Amino acid sequence: HMLQNGGLFVSIGPLMWHWSGHGAVLPDDLANGTMNETSNVEGNFINAKHKQRTEHLDQRYLQSVDFTWEETRALIVNCGFEILEENDIRTRYTSDALSMKKVDYDCVFFVARKIA
């Protein structure tokens, strides 16, 4: 409802949509089966330490959604857009040009027009 018919939706970036918070699972958060197990993440039990460290967070901070470009494209089209342009682009993300550590993402650049 924010974009009028004929308006353009332009995006470039990795296909990652997540809440930015401090709820990431750290190596010490994985229980070995003997600690107070509270929840299951990808087959690993999370210990009480993680629950205590993150209990103040909205539970959405502990979630993320990762779609493929094909899934994302279908969502965009099903929401009333036509894809005008799409290209795969490798981009550098949050790095210092002088640093030895650099992070590259395979991104999708697209332009879509709202038609419905």
Foldseek 3Di string as FASTA:
>chain_A
DPADFQGKDWDKDAQKDADDDDLDDDPVQFDPPPADFDDDDPNTTGHVVSCVVPVVDDCRNVDIDGDDVVVVVVVQVVVAKDWDDKDWDKDWDPDDPPDPDTDIDGMMITMIGGHD
